[in-house]
Amino acid sequence: MASKSGKFISFLPGHRDVPVSQKDQSVLDVALRAKVALNHTCGGNGTCGTCRVFVIQGLEKLGPRNEIEAEMAQDRVFQASERLACQMEPVDGLVVFQDIFLRWQRR
């Protein structure tokens, strides 16, 4: 990630560094505001799992999964680095990757 002032999250693939606004409540909010293509069929409620991303950098900065995300992670056997963008707090320096290949397969 390039050195910039303020908080940024990087979205892969595409290498998009997006600033985090004070209004952003989740990583999904950051993506939607910046028009980053990120699936989210349940509207950010954490019930569908389509906004699942892999945290490539910054996992140690995140808090534990909330109850909604923990239940989804247990049901779908998520790895530690798999998180729901709609339930993740947007912290500076995160690098997240959405597996586009899996997204295309599910269509």
N, C-alpha and C. Protein backbone atom coordinates (compact mmCIF):
# COMPACT_ATOMS: atom_id res chain seq x y z
N MET A 1 0.85 -1.18 0.00
CA MET A 1 0.00 0.00 0.00
C MET A 1 0.89 1.24 0.00
N ALA A 2 0.55 2.20 -0.78
CA ALA A 2 1.32 3.44 -0.87
C ALA A 2 1.17 4.25 0.40
N SER A 3 2.20 5.02 0.74
CA SER A 3 2.15 5.86 1.94
C SER A 3 1.26 7.07 1.67
N LYS A 4 0.20 7.20 2.45
CA LYS A 4 -0.76 8.29 2.30
C LYS A 4 -1.17 8.76 3.67
N SER A 5 -1.70 9.97 3.77
CA SER A 5 -2.22 10.43 5.05
C SER A 5 -3.65 9.96 5.19
N GLY A 6 -4.08 9.69 6.41
CA GLY A 6 -5.43 9.20 6.66
C GLY A 6 -5.46 7.68 6.65
N LYS A 7 -6.67 7.14 6.82
CA LYS A 7 -6.85 5.69 6.85
C LYS A 7 -7.22 5.18 5.46
N PHE A 8 -6.59 4.07 5.07
CA PHE A 8 -6.86 3.47 3.76
C PHE A 8 -7.01 1.96 3.90
N ILE A 9 -7.83 1.40 3.03
CA ILE A 9 -7.97 -0.05 2.88
C ILE A 9 -7.66 -0.36 1.42
N SER A 10 -6.91 -1.42 1.19
CA SER A 10 -6.59 -1.85 -0.17
C SER A 10 -7.45 -3.05 -0.53
N PHE A 11 -8.06 -2.97 -1.72
CA PHE A 11 -8.91 -4.05 -2.23
C PHE A 11 -8.20 -4.73 -3.39
N LEU A 12 -8.11 -6.04 -3.32
CA LEU A 12 -7.51 -6.87 -4.36
C LEU A 12 -8.58 -7.82 -4.88
N PRO A 13 -8.51 -8.30 -6.11
CA PRO A 13 -7.59 -7.82 -7.13
C PRO A 13 -7.97 -6.40 -7.57
N GLY A 14 -7.08 -5.77 -8.25
CA GLY A 14 -7.32 -4.43 -8.72
C GLY A 14 -6.46 -3.39 -8.03
N HIS A 15 -5.89 -3.74 -6.89
CA HIS A 15 -4.99 -2.84 -6.16
C HIS A 15 -5.58 -1.45 -5.96
N ARG A 16 -6.82 -1.41 -5.46
CA ARG A 16 -7.47 -0.11 -5.20
C ARG A 16 -7.28 0.28 -3.75
N ASP A 17 -6.57 1.38 -3.52
CA ASP A 17 -6.41 1.94 -2.18
C ASP A 17 -7.53 2.94 -1.97
N VAL A 18 -8.39 2.67 -1.01
CA VAL A 18 -9.58 3.49 -0.79
C VAL A 18 -9.51 4.14 0.59
N PRO A 19 -9.71 5.46 0.66
CA PRO A 19 -9.71 6.11 1.97
C PRO A 19 -10.94 5.72 2.77
N VAL A 20 -10.75 5.65 4.07
CA VAL A 20 -11.85 5.33 4.99
C VAL A 20 -12.45 6.63 5.49
N SER A 21 -13.75 6.77 5.36
CA SER A 21 -14.48 7.94 5.82
C SER A 21 -14.92 7.72 7.27
N GLN A 22 -15.14 8.79 8.00
CA GLN A 22 -15.64 8.68 9.37
C GLN A 22 -17.03 8.06 9.40
N LYS A 23 -17.76 8.12 8.30
CA LYS A 23 -19.11 7.56 8.23
C LYS A 23 -19.12 6.06 7.97
N ASP A 24 -17.99 5.50 7.53
CA ASP A 24 -17.92 4.08 7.20
C ASP A 24 -17.96 3.23 8.47
N GLN A 25 -18.94 2.35 8.56
CA GLN A 25 -19.08 1.47 9.71
C GLN A 25 -18.45 0.10 9.48
N SER A 26 -18.22 -0.25 8.21
CA SER A 26 -17.67 -1.57 7.88
C SER A 26 -16.81 -1.46 6.62
N VAL A 27 -16.07 -2.53 6.37
CA VAL A 27 -15.28 -2.61 5.15
C VAL A 27 -16.21 -2.60 3.93
N LEU A 28 -17.37 -3.21 4.06
CA LEU A 28 -18.35 -3.16 2.97
C LEU A 28 -18.77 -1.73 2.68
N ASP A 29 -18.99 -0.91 3.70
CA ASP A 29 -19.33 0.50 3.49
C ASP A 29 -18.25 1.21 2.68
N VAL A 30 -17.00 0.95 3.01
CA VAL A 30 -15.87 1.57 2.29
C VAL A 30 -15.92 1.15 0.82
N ALA A 31 -16.12 -0.14 0.57
CA ALA A 31 -16.16 -0.65 -0.80
C ALA A 31 -17.31 -0.05 -1.60
N LEU A 32 -18.49 -0.01 -1.00
CA LEU A 32 -19.66 0.51 -1.71
C LEU A 32 -19.50 1.99 -2.05
N ARG A 33 -18.99 2.76 -1.10
CA ARG A 33 -18.82 4.19 -1.33
C ARG A 33 -17.84 4.44 -2.47
N ALA A 34 -16.82 3.59 -2.58
CA ALA A 34 -15.79 3.76 -3.61
C ALA A 34 -16.12 3.00 -4.90
N LYS A 35 -17.31 2.38 -4.93
CA LYS A 35 -17.74 1.62 -6.11
C LYS A 35 -16.80 0.46 -6.43
N VAL A 36 -16.26 -0.17 -5.38
CA VAL A 36 -15.49 -1.40 -5.53
C VAL A 36 -16.49 -2.53 -5.63
N ALA A 37 -16.37 -3.35 -6.65
CA ALA A 37 -17.30 -4.48 -6.85
C ALA A 37 -17.10 -5.50 -5.74
N LEU A 38 -18.04 -5.56 -4.82
CA LEU A 38 -17.99 -6.51 -3.72
C LEU A 38 -19.40 -7.04 -3.50
N ASN A 39 -19.56 -8.35 -3.65
CA ASN A 39 -20.88 -8.95 -3.47
C ASN A 39 -21.44 -8.65 -2.08
N HIS A 40 -22.77 -8.53 -2.02
CA HIS A 40 -23.41 -8.25 -0.73
C HIS A 40 -24.92 -8.41 -0.87
N THR A 41 -25.39 -9.63 -1.02
CA THR A 41 -26.80 -9.83 -1.34
C THR A 41 -27.75 -9.62 -0.17
N CYS A 42 -27.28 -9.66 1.08
CA CYS A 42 -28.20 -9.49 2.21
C CYS A 42 -28.25 -8.06 2.73
N GLY A 43 -27.57 -7.15 2.05
CA GLY A 43 -27.61 -5.76 2.46
C GLY A 43 -26.74 -5.44 3.67
N GLY A 44 -25.74 -6.27 3.93
CA GLY A 44 -24.82 -5.99 5.03
C GLY A 44 -25.27 -6.53 6.38
N ASN A 45 -26.18 -7.49 6.37
CA ASN A 45 -26.67 -8.05 7.63
C ASN A 45 -25.90 -9.27 8.11
N GLY A 46 -24.96 -9.77 7.31
CA GLY A 46 -24.14 -10.90 7.72
C GLY A 46 -24.84 -12.24 7.63
N THR A 47 -25.89 -12.31 6.82
CA THR A 47 -26.66 -13.56 6.75
C THR A 47 -26.41 -14.36 5.47
N CYS A 48 -25.74 -13.79 4.47
CA CYS A 48 -25.58 -14.51 3.20
C CYS A 48 -24.16 -15.01 2.98
N GLY A 49 -23.18 -14.31 3.49
CA GLY A 49 -21.80 -14.71 3.30
C GLY A 49 -21.18 -14.29 1.98
N THR A 50 -21.91 -13.58 1.15
CA THR A 50 -21.38 -13.23 -0.18
C THR A 50 -20.32 -12.13 -0.13
N CYS A 51 -20.20 -11.42 0.96
CA CYS A 51 -19.16 -10.38 1.07
C CYS A 51 -17.89 -10.93 1.73
N ARG A 52 -17.76 -12.24 1.75
CA ARG A 52 -16.57 -12.87 2.35
C ARG A 52 -15.33 -12.44 1.60
N VAL A 53 -14.33 -12.04 2.35
CA VAL A 53 -13.04 -11.64 1.80
C VAL A 53 -11.94 -12.36 2.59
N PHE A 54 -10.76 -12.38 2.01
CA PHE A 54 -9.58 -12.89 2.70
C PHE A 54 -8.75 -11.69 3.13
N VAL A 55 -8.40 -11.63 4.39
CA VAL A 55 -7.56 -10.54 4.90
C VAL A 55 -6.11 -10.95 4.64
N ILE A 56 -5.46 -10.23 3.74
CA ILE A 56 -4.09 -10.51 3.35
C ILE A 56 -3.11 -9.81 4.28
N GLN A 57 -3.50 -8.64 4.76
CA GLN A 57 -2.64 -7.86 5.66
C GLN A 57 -3.52 -7.13 6.66
N GLY A 58 -3.09 -7.10 7.91
CA GLY A 58 -3.80 -6.35 8.93
C GLY A 58 -4.74 -7.17 9.80
N LEU A 59 -4.71 -8.48 9.67
CA LEU A 59 -5.60 -9.33 10.48
C LEU A 59 -5.40 -9.08 11.97
N GLU A 60 -4.16 -8.83 12.36
CA GLU A 60 -3.85 -8.61 13.78
C GLU A 60 -4.46 -7.31 14.31
N LYS A 61 -4.85 -6.39 13.43
CA LYS A 61 -5.46 -5.12 13.84
C LYS A 61 -6.95 -5.25 14.10
N LEU A 62 -7.55 -6.33 13.61
CA LEU A 62 -9.00 -6.51 13.74
C LEU A 62 -9.37 -7.10 15.09
N GLY A 63 -10.53 -6.70 15.57
CA GLY A 63 -11.06 -7.31 16.77
C GLY A 63 -11.59 -8.70 16.45
N PRO A 64 -12.03 -9.41 17.48
CA PRO A 64 -12.61 -10.73 17.23
C PRO A 64 -13.91 -10.61 16.43
N ARG A 65 -14.30 -11.70 15.81
CA ARG A 65 -15.58 -11.72 15.07
C ARG A 65 -16.72 -11.45 16.04
N ASN A 66 -17.71 -10.69 15.55
CA ASN A 66 -18.92 -10.50 16.37
C ASN A 66 -19.75 -11.77 16.29
N GLU A 67 -20.85 -11.82 17.01
CA GLU A 67 -21.68 -13.02 17.09
C GLU A 67 -22.19 -13.46 15.71
N ILE A 68 -22.62 -12.50 14.91
CA ILE A 68 -23.15 -12.81 13.57
C ILE A 68 -22.06 -13.45 12.70
N GLU A 69 -20.90 -12.82 12.68
CA GLU A 69 -19.82 -13.32 11.85
C GLU A 69 -19.27 -14.65 12.38
N ALA A 70 -19.19 -14.79 13.68
CA ALA A 70 -18.69 -16.03 14.28
C ALA A 70 -19.57 -17.22 13.92
N GLU A 71 -20.88 -17.01 13.92
CA GLU A 71 -21.80 -18.08 13.55
C GLU A 71 -21.61 -18.48 12.09
N MET A 72 -21.50 -17.49 11.21
CA MET A 72 -21.27 -17.76 9.78
C MET A 72 -19.94 -18.49 9.59
N ALA A 73 -18.90 -18.04 10.27
CA ALA A 73 -17.58 -18.65 10.15
C ALA A 73 -17.59 -20.10 10.61
N GLN A 74 -18.31 -20.37 11.67
CA GLN A 74 -18.40 -21.74 12.17
C GLN A 74 -19.19 -22.62 11.20
N ASP A 75 -20.33 -22.12 10.74
CA ASP A 75 -21.17 -22.89 9.81
C ASP A 75 -20.45 -23.22 8.50
N ARG A 76 -19.65 -22.28 8.02
CA ARG A 76 -18.99 -22.45 6.71
C ARG A 76 -17.51 -22.80 6.83
N VAL A 77 -17.07 -23.05 8.04
CA VAL A 77 -15.69 -23.46 8.31
C VAL A 77 -14.68 -22.49 7.69
N PHE A 78 -14.81 -21.22 8.03
CA PHE A 78 -13.89 -20.19 7.56
C PHE A 78 -12.51 -20.38 8.18
N GLN A 79 -11.49 -20.05 7.42
CA GLN A 79 -10.14 -19.94 7.95
C GLN A 79 -10.09 -18.64 8.76
N ALA A 80 -9.05 -18.48 9.58
CA ALA A 80 -8.91 -17.27 10.39
C ALA A 80 -8.89 -16.02 9.54
N SER A 81 -8.31 -16.10 8.33
CA SER A 81 -8.19 -14.92 7.47
C SER A 81 -9.45 -14.62 6.66
N GLU A 82 -10.45 -15.50 6.70
CA GLU A 82 -11.71 -15.25 5.99
C GLU A 82 -12.64 -14.46 6.89
N ARG A 83 -13.08 -13.33 6.40
CA ARG A 83 -13.95 -12.47 7.19
C ARG A 83 -15.08 -11.94 6.32
N LEU A 84 -16.15 -11.48 6.96
CA LEU A 84 -17.26 -10.85 6.26
C LEU A 84 -17.01 -9.35 6.23
N ALA A 85 -16.96 -8.77 5.03
CA ALA A 85 -16.70 -7.34 4.89
C ALA A 85 -17.77 -6.51 5.58
N CYS A 86 -19.00 -7.01 5.62
CA CYS A 86 -20.09 -6.24 6.23
C CYS A 86 -20.00 -6.21 7.75
N GLN A 87 -19.21 -7.08 8.35
CA GLN A 87 -19.11 -7.16 9.80
C GLN A 87 -17.76 -6.69 10.33
N MET A 88 -16.83 -6.37 9.42
CA MET A 88 -15.48 -5.97 9.79
C MET A 88 -15.35 -4.47 9.93
N GLU A 89 -14.76 -4.04 11.02
CA GLU A 89 -14.48 -2.62 11.21
C GLU A 89 -13.40 -2.18 10.21
N PRO A 90 -13.57 -1.01 9.60
CA PRO A 90 -12.58 -0.56 8.62
C PRO A 90 -11.35 0.06 9.31
N VAL A 91 -10.31 -0.73 9.50
CA VAL A 91 -9.10 -0.24 10.15
C VAL A 91 -8.03 0.05 9.11
N ASP A 92 -7.20 1.01 9.42
CA ASP A 92 -6.15 1.44 8.49
C ASP A 92 -5.17 0.31 8.20
N GLY A 93 -4.79 0.21 6.94
CA GLY A 93 -3.77 -0.73 6.54
C GLY A 93 -4.27 -2.10 6.16
N LEU A 94 -5.60 -2.32 6.20
CA LEU A 94 -6.12 -3.62 5.77
C LEU A 94 -5.89 -3.80 4.28
N VAL A 95 -5.55 -5.02 3.91
CA VAL A 95 -5.51 -5.43 2.51
C VAL A 95 -6.42 -6.64 2.43
N VAL A 96 -7.48 -6.53 1.64
CA VAL A 96 -8.45 -7.62 1.53
C VAL A 96 -8.55 -8.07 0.07
N PHE A 97 -8.83 -9.36 -0.07
CA PHE A 97 -8.91 -9.98 -1.39
C PHE A 97 -10.23 -10.71 -1.51
N GLN A 98 -10.98 -10.41 -2.58
CA GLN A 98 -12.19 -11.16 -2.87
C GLN A 98 -11.86 -12.14 -3.97
N ASP A 99 -12.13 -13.41 -3.74
CA ASP A 99 -11.82 -14.45 -4.70
C ASP A 99 -12.82 -14.39 -5.85
N ILE A 100 -12.43 -13.70 -6.92
CA ILE A 100 -13.33 -13.51 -8.06
C ILE A 100 -13.62 -14.83 -8.75
N PHE A 101 -12.66 -15.74 -8.79
CA PHE A 101 -12.88 -17.03 -9.43
C PHE A 101 -14.05 -17.76 -8.76
N LEU A 102 -14.08 -17.77 -7.44
CA LEU A 102 -15.19 -18.41 -6.72
C LEU A 102 -16.50 -17.69 -7.00
N ARG A 103 -16.45 -16.38 -7.10
CA ARG A 103 -17.66 -15.60 -7.37
C ARG A 103 -18.23 -15.97 -8.73
N TRP A 104 -17.37 -16.12 -9.73
CA TRP A 104 -17.84 -16.49 -11.07
C TRP A 104 -18.40 -17.90 -11.09
N GLN A 105 -17.81 -18.81 -10.34
CA GLN A 105 -18.28 -20.19 -10.30
C GLN A 105 -19.68 -20.30 -9.74
N ARG A 106 -20.05 -19.43 -8.83
CA ARG A 106 -21.34 -19.51 -8.15
C ARG A 106 -22.48 -18.96 -8.99
N ARG A 107 -22.20 -18.32 -10.08
CA ARG A 107 -23.25 -17.74 -10.92
C ARG A 107 -24.03 -18.80 -11.62
